[in-house]
């Protein structure tokens, strides 16, 4: 399984970005897709998750600002990030869990700064 994340960049506080992550390879229809992030000098942390059945869950720090969604036909998961704050600055990673295996994509950098 390969995961390709994109959509990061520089944005001002209060702005928005949408991240995408496309999965390819040996895919199973039963899976969980997630976004995690790692800020400079900090441990990687959970951001949001969406199951193949469209159930979602969010870290408290992003609830009400971020929305995770997926397009199963395109094997793609999205993270819509609104009302961005400087503390959202991090490398964002997508993760796929299927058949008890965990697959990580490469990160995409999000920088929130004026």
N, C-alpha and C. Protein backbone atom coordinates (compact mmCIF):
# COMPACT_ATOMS: atom_id res chain seq x y z
N UNK A 1 0.86 -1.19 0.00
CA UNK A 1 0.00 0.00 0.00
C UNK A 1 0.89 1.24 0.00
N UNK A 2 0.59 2.15 -0.89
CA UNK A 2 1.31 3.44 -0.93
C UNK A 2 0.31 4.56 -0.69
N UNK A 3 0.77 5.55 0.05
CA UNK A 3 -0.05 6.71 0.36
C UNK A 3 0.68 7.97 -0.07
N UNK A 4 0.01 8.79 -0.85
CA UNK A 4 0.60 10.03 -1.36
C UNK A 4 -0.20 11.20 -0.86
N UNK A 5 0.39 11.98 0.03
CA UNK A 5 -0.28 13.15 0.60
C UNK A 5 0.14 14.41 -0.14
N UNK A 6 -0.77 15.37 -0.20
CA UNK A 6 -0.48 16.64 -0.85
C UNK A 6 -1.39 17.72 -0.27
N UNK A 7 -1.08 18.97 -0.62
CA UNK A 7 -1.96 20.07 -0.24
C UNK A 7 -1.43 20.99 0.83
N UNK A 8 -0.28 20.67 1.39
CA UNK A 8 0.29 21.53 2.41
C UNK A 8 0.80 22.84 1.82
N UNK A 9 1.14 23.76 2.71
CA UNK A 9 1.66 25.03 2.26
C UNK A 9 1.67 26.04 3.38
N UNK A 10 1.90 27.29 2.99
CA UNK A 10 1.93 28.40 3.93
C UNK A 10 0.59 29.12 3.89
N UNK A 11 0.01 29.35 5.05
CA UNK A 11 -1.29 30.02 5.13
C UNK A 11 -1.28 30.95 6.33
N UNK A 12 -2.02 32.04 6.23
CA UNK A 12 -2.10 32.98 7.34
C UNK A 12 -3.06 32.47 8.41
N UNK A 13 -2.88 32.90 9.65
CA UNK A 13 -3.83 32.53 10.70
C UNK A 13 -5.26 32.90 10.29
N UNK A 14 -6.18 31.99 10.56
CA UNK A 14 -7.57 32.17 10.16
C UNK A 14 -7.88 31.63 8.77
N UNK A 15 -6.86 31.24 8.04
CA UNK A 15 -7.05 30.73 6.68
C UNK A 15 -7.43 29.27 6.64
N UNK A 16 -7.51 28.75 5.42
CA UNK A 16 -7.93 27.36 5.20
C UNK A 16 -6.99 26.65 4.24
N UNK A 17 -6.93 25.36 4.39
CA UNK A 17 -6.21 24.48 3.47
C UNK A 17 -6.96 23.16 3.40
N UNK A 18 -6.80 22.47 2.28
CA UNK A 18 -7.36 21.12 2.17
C UNK A 18 -6.24 20.17 1.80
N UNK A 19 -6.03 19.18 2.62
CA UNK A 19 -5.06 18.13 2.34
C UNK A 19 -5.75 16.95 1.68
N UNK A 20 -4.99 16.26 0.83
CA UNK A 20 -5.49 15.05 0.18
C UNK A 20 -4.47 13.93 0.37
N UNK A 21 -4.96 12.71 0.38
CA UNK A 21 -4.08 11.55 0.47
C UNK A 21 -4.69 10.44 -0.39
N UNK A 22 -3.94 10.03 -1.40
CA UNK A 22 -4.40 9.00 -2.32
C UNK A 22 -3.71 7.69 -1.99
N UNK A 23 -4.51 6.64 -1.87
CA UNK A 23 -3.98 5.31 -1.59
C UNK A 23 -3.92 4.50 -2.87
N UNK A 24 -2.88 3.68 -2.99
CA UNK A 24 -2.75 2.80 -4.14
C UNK A 24 -2.10 1.49 -3.68
N UNK A 25 -2.15 0.50 -4.57
CA UNK A 25 -1.57 -0.78 -4.23
C UNK A 25 -2.63 -1.80 -3.86
N UNK A 26 -2.30 -2.69 -2.93
CA UNK A 26 -3.20 -3.76 -2.51
C UNK A 26 -4.16 -3.22 -1.44
N UNK A 27 -5.29 -2.75 -1.92
CA UNK A 27 -6.23 -2.09 -1.02
C UNK A 27 -7.37 -3.02 -0.63
N UNK A 28 -7.80 -2.91 0.61
CA UNK A 28 -8.94 -3.66 1.11
C UNK A 28 -10.06 -2.66 1.37
N UNK A 29 -11.27 -3.02 1.00
CA UNK A 29 -12.39 -2.09 1.15
C UNK A 29 -12.70 -1.79 2.61
N UNK A 30 -12.31 -2.68 3.50
CA UNK A 30 -12.50 -2.45 4.94
C UNK A 30 -11.21 -1.85 5.49
N UNK A 31 -11.28 -0.58 5.82
CA UNK A 31 -10.07 0.11 6.27
C UNK A 31 -10.44 1.36 7.05
N UNK A 32 -9.46 1.90 7.69
CA UNK A 32 -9.60 3.17 8.40
C UNK A 32 -8.52 4.10 7.88
N UNK A 33 -8.92 5.31 7.56
CA UNK A 33 -7.97 6.32 7.11
C UNK A 33 -7.87 7.41 8.17
N UNK A 34 -6.66 7.87 8.41
CA UNK A 34 -6.44 8.84 9.47
C UNK A 34 -5.45 9.92 9.03
N UNK A 35 -5.53 11.02 9.72
CA UNK A 35 -4.51 12.07 9.62
C UNK A 35 -3.88 12.21 11.01
N UNK A 36 -2.55 12.32 10.99
CA UNK A 36 -1.78 12.61 12.19
C UNK A 36 -0.87 13.79 11.85
N UNK A 37 -0.30 14.40 12.86
CA UNK A 37 0.61 15.50 12.61
C UNK A 37 1.74 15.51 13.62
N UNK A 38 2.84 16.11 13.21
CA UNK A 38 4.00 16.23 14.09
C UNK A 38 4.55 17.65 13.97
N UNK A 39 4.44 18.37 15.07
CA UNK A 39 4.98 19.73 15.13
C UNK A 39 6.46 19.66 15.48
N UNK A 40 7.20 20.71 15.15
CA UNK A 40 8.64 20.72 15.46
C UNK A 40 8.89 20.48 16.95
N UNK A 41 9.75 19.52 17.25
CA UNK A 41 10.10 19.25 18.63
C UNK A 41 9.06 18.51 19.43
N UNK A 42 8.00 18.05 18.78
CA UNK A 42 6.93 17.36 19.50
C UNK A 42 6.70 15.97 18.92
N UNK A 43 5.99 15.16 19.69
CA UNK A 43 5.65 13.83 19.20
C UNK A 43 4.51 13.90 18.19
N UNK A 44 4.45 12.88 17.34
CA UNK A 44 3.36 12.80 16.39
C UNK A 44 2.05 12.58 17.16
N UNK A 45 0.99 13.25 16.71
CA UNK A 45 -0.30 13.14 17.39
C UNK A 45 -1.43 12.89 16.41
N UNK A 46 -2.45 12.25 16.92
CA UNK A 46 -3.66 11.98 16.15
C UNK A 46 -4.42 13.26 15.86
N UNK A 47 -4.98 13.34 14.65
CA UNK A 47 -5.79 14.50 14.27
C UNK A 47 -7.24 14.09 14.00
N UNK A 48 -7.42 13.13 13.09
CA UNK A 48 -8.78 12.74 12.72
C UNK A 48 -8.77 11.38 12.06
N UNK A 49 -9.91 10.71 12.12
CA UNK A 49 -10.05 9.40 11.51
C UNK A 49 -11.39 9.26 10.82
N UNK A 50 -11.44 8.45 9.77
CA UNK A 50 -12.70 8.12 9.10
C UNK A 50 -12.64 6.66 8.68
N UNK A 51 -13.70 5.93 9.01
CA UNK A 51 -13.76 4.52 8.65
C UNK A 51 -14.31 4.36 7.23
N UNK A 52 -14.24 3.16 6.70
CA UNK A 52 -14.81 2.90 5.38
C UNK A 52 -16.32 3.08 5.40
N UNK A 53 -16.91 3.02 6.61
CA UNK A 53 -18.34 3.27 6.75
C UNK A 53 -18.67 4.72 7.03
N UNK A 54 -17.67 5.59 6.93
CA UNK A 54 -17.85 7.05 7.05
C UNK A 54 -18.00 7.54 8.49
N UNK A 55 -17.72 6.72 9.48
CA UNK A 55 -17.70 7.21 10.86
C UNK A 55 -16.44 8.03 11.08
N UNK A 56 -16.58 9.15 11.79
CA UNK A 56 -15.44 10.04 11.99
C UNK A 56 -15.19 10.31 13.47
N UNK A 57 -13.96 10.71 13.75
CA UNK A 57 -13.59 11.11 15.11
C UNK A 57 -12.45 12.11 14.99
N UNK A 58 -12.39 13.02 15.96
CA UNK A 58 -11.42 14.11 15.89
C UNK A 58 -10.71 14.32 17.22
N UNK A 59 -9.50 14.82 17.15
CA UNK A 59 -8.82 15.29 18.34
C UNK A 59 -9.55 16.54 18.84
N UNK A 60 -9.57 16.73 20.14
CA UNK A 60 -10.28 17.88 20.70
C UNK A 60 -9.75 19.20 20.15
N UNK A 61 -8.45 19.24 19.88
CA UNK A 61 -7.82 20.47 19.44
C UNK A 61 -8.28 20.94 18.06
N UNK A 62 -8.90 20.06 17.27
CA UNK A 62 -9.32 20.43 15.91
C UNK A 62 -10.82 20.35 15.70
N UNK A 63 -11.54 19.87 16.71
CA UNK A 63 -13.00 19.74 16.56
C UNK A 63 -13.63 21.08 16.23
N UNK A 64 -14.53 21.07 15.26
CA UNK A 64 -15.22 22.28 14.86
C UNK A 64 -14.46 23.10 13.83
N UNK A 65 -13.19 22.76 13.60
CA UNK A 65 -12.38 23.50 12.62
C UNK A 65 -11.96 22.62 11.44
N UNK A 66 -11.69 21.35 11.72
CA UNK A 66 -11.23 20.43 10.68
C UNK A 66 -12.34 19.44 10.36
N UNK A 67 -12.38 19.03 9.09
CA UNK A 67 -13.34 18.01 8.65
C UNK A 67 -12.61 16.96 7.82
N UNK A 68 -12.73 15.72 8.23
CA UNK A 68 -12.16 14.62 7.45
C UNK A 68 -13.25 14.00 6.61
N UNK A 69 -12.91 13.63 5.39
CA UNK A 69 -13.86 12.98 4.51
C UNK A 69 -13.10 12.04 3.59
N UNK A 70 -13.83 11.22 2.87
CA UNK A 70 -13.18 10.28 1.96
C UNK A 70 -14.05 10.03 0.76
N UNK A 71 -13.38 9.68 -0.34
CA UNK A 71 -14.04 9.28 -1.57
C UNK A 71 -13.54 7.87 -1.86
N UNK A 72 -14.35 6.89 -1.54
CA UNK A 72 -13.90 5.50 -1.69
C UNK A 72 -13.64 5.14 -3.15
N UNK A 73 -14.36 5.73 -4.05
CA UNK A 73 -14.17 5.44 -5.47
C UNK A 73 -12.80 5.92 -5.95
N UNK A 74 -12.28 6.96 -5.29
CA UNK A 74 -10.98 7.52 -5.67
C UNK A 74 -9.88 7.11 -4.71
N UNK A 75 -10.23 6.28 -3.71
CA UNK A 75 -9.24 5.85 -2.70
C UNK A 75 -8.52 7.05 -2.09
N UNK A 76 -9.28 8.07 -1.81
CA UNK A 76 -8.71 9.34 -1.35
C UNK A 76 -9.38 9.78 -0.06
N UNK A 77 -8.55 10.29 0.86
CA UNK A 77 -9.06 10.89 2.08
C UNK A 77 -8.64 12.36 2.08
N UNK A 78 -9.52 13.19 2.61
CA UNK A 78 -9.28 14.63 2.62
C UNK A 78 -9.30 15.14 4.07
N UNK A 79 -8.61 16.25 4.27
CA UNK A 79 -8.70 16.96 5.54
C UNK A 79 -8.90 18.44 5.22
N UNK A 80 -10.11 18.91 5.43
CA UNK A 80 -10.40 20.33 5.26
C UNK A 80 -10.10 21.03 6.57
N UNK A 81 -9.19 21.98 6.52
CA UNK A 81 -8.74 22.68 7.71
C UNK A 81 -9.13 24.15 7.61
N UNK A 82 -9.99 24.59 8.50
CA UNK A 82 -10.44 25.97 8.53
C UNK A 82 -9.99 26.64 9.83
N UNK A 83 -10.06 27.96 9.85
CA UNK A 83 -9.69 28.72 11.05
C UNK A 83 -8.35 28.27 11.60
N UNK A 84 -7.39 28.17 10.72
CA UNK A 84 -6.08 27.65 11.11
C UNK A 84 -5.38 28.59 12.09
N UNK A 85 -4.64 27.97 13.01
CA UNK A 85 -3.91 28.68 14.04
C UNK A 85 -2.42 28.37 13.91
N UNK A 86 -1.56 29.25 14.43
CA UNK A 86 -0.11 28.96 14.37
C UNK A 86 0.24 27.61 14.99
N UNK A 87 -0.50 27.21 16.00
CA UNK A 87 -0.21 25.92 16.64
C UNK A 87 -0.62 24.72 15.80
N UNK A 88 -1.27 24.95 14.67
CA UNK A 88 -1.55 23.87 13.73
C UNK A 88 -0.36 23.58 12.81
N UNK A 89 0.67 24.40 12.89
CA UNK A 89 1.87 24.20 12.09
C UNK A 89 2.49 22.85 12.41
N UNK A 90 2.67 22.03 11.38
CA UNK A 90 3.18 20.68 11.58
C UNK A 90 3.35 20.00 10.22
N UNK A 91 4.01 18.87 10.24
CA UNK A 91 3.98 17.97 9.10
C UNK A 91 2.79 17.04 9.31
N UNK A 92 1.93 16.99 8.33
CA UNK A 92 0.71 16.17 8.40
C UNK A 92 0.92 14.88 7.62
N UNK A 93 0.59 13.76 8.28
CA UNK A 93 0.77 12.44 7.69
C UNK A 93 -0.58 11.74 7.58
N UNK A 94 -0.79 11.05 6.48
CA UNK A 94 -1.96 10.19 6.40
C UNK A 94 -1.55 8.77 6.76
N UNK A 95 -2.52 8.04 7.28
CA UNK A 95 -2.28 6.68 7.73
C UNK A 95 -3.48 5.82 7.35
N UNK A 96 -3.20 4.61 6.92
CA UNK A 96 -4.25 3.67 6.54
C UNK A 96 -4.06 2.39 7.34
N UNK A 97 -5.14 1.91 7.92
CA UNK A 97 -5.11 0.66 8.67
C UNK A 97 -6.03 -0.33 7.97
N UNK A 98 -5.48 -1.45 7.53
CA UNK A 98 -6.28 -2.50 6.91
C UNK A 98 -5.64 -3.85 7.20
N UNK A 99 -6.48 -4.83 7.45
CA UNK A 99 -5.98 -6.18 7.73
C UNK A 99 -4.93 -6.18 8.84
N UNK A 100 -5.14 -5.33 9.83
CA UNK A 100 -4.26 -5.21 10.99
C UNK A 100 -2.86 -4.69 10.65
N UNK A 101 -2.69 -4.16 9.46
CA UNK A 101 -1.43 -3.53 9.09
C UNK A 101 -1.62 -2.01 9.06
N UNK A 102 -0.57 -1.31 9.44
CA UNK A 102 -0.58 0.14 9.43
C UNK A 102 0.37 0.63 8.34
N UNK A 103 -0.13 1.52 7.50
CA UNK A 103 0.66 2.09 6.42
C UNK A 103 0.69 3.61 6.59
N UNK A 104 1.87 4.18 6.47
CA UNK A 104 2.05 5.62 6.57
C UNK A 104 2.44 6.21 5.23
N UNK A 105 1.93 7.41 4.96
CA UNK A 105 2.38 8.14 3.80
C UNK A 105 3.50 9.09 4.19
N UNK A 106 4.07 9.73 3.19
CA UNK A 106 5.05 10.77 3.49
C UNK A 106 4.28 11.99 3.97
N UNK A 107 4.90 12.87 4.66
CA UNK A 107 4.20 14.01 5.21
C UNK A 107 4.08 15.16 4.23
N UNK A 108 3.16 16.05 4.56
CA UNK A 108 3.04 17.30 3.84
C UNK A 108 3.05 18.43 4.88
N UNK A 109 3.88 19.44 4.64
CA UNK A 109 4.10 20.48 5.63
C UNK A 109 3.02 21.56 5.55
N UNK A 110 2.44 21.86 6.69
CA UNK A 110 1.50 22.97 6.83
C UNK A 110 2.12 24.00 7.77
N UNK A 111 2.26 25.22 7.29
CA UNK A 111 2.81 26.31 8.10
C UNK A 111 1.78 27.41 8.20
N UNK A 112 1.41 27.74 9.42
CA UNK A 112 0.44 28.79 9.67
C UNK A 112 1.18 29.98 10.29
N UNK A 113 1.31 31.04 9.52
CA UNK A 113 2.10 32.17 9.97
C UNK A 113 1.71 33.41 9.19
N UNK A 114 1.83 34.55 9.87
CA UNK A 114 1.58 35.82 9.19
C UNK A 114 2.88 36.41 8.68
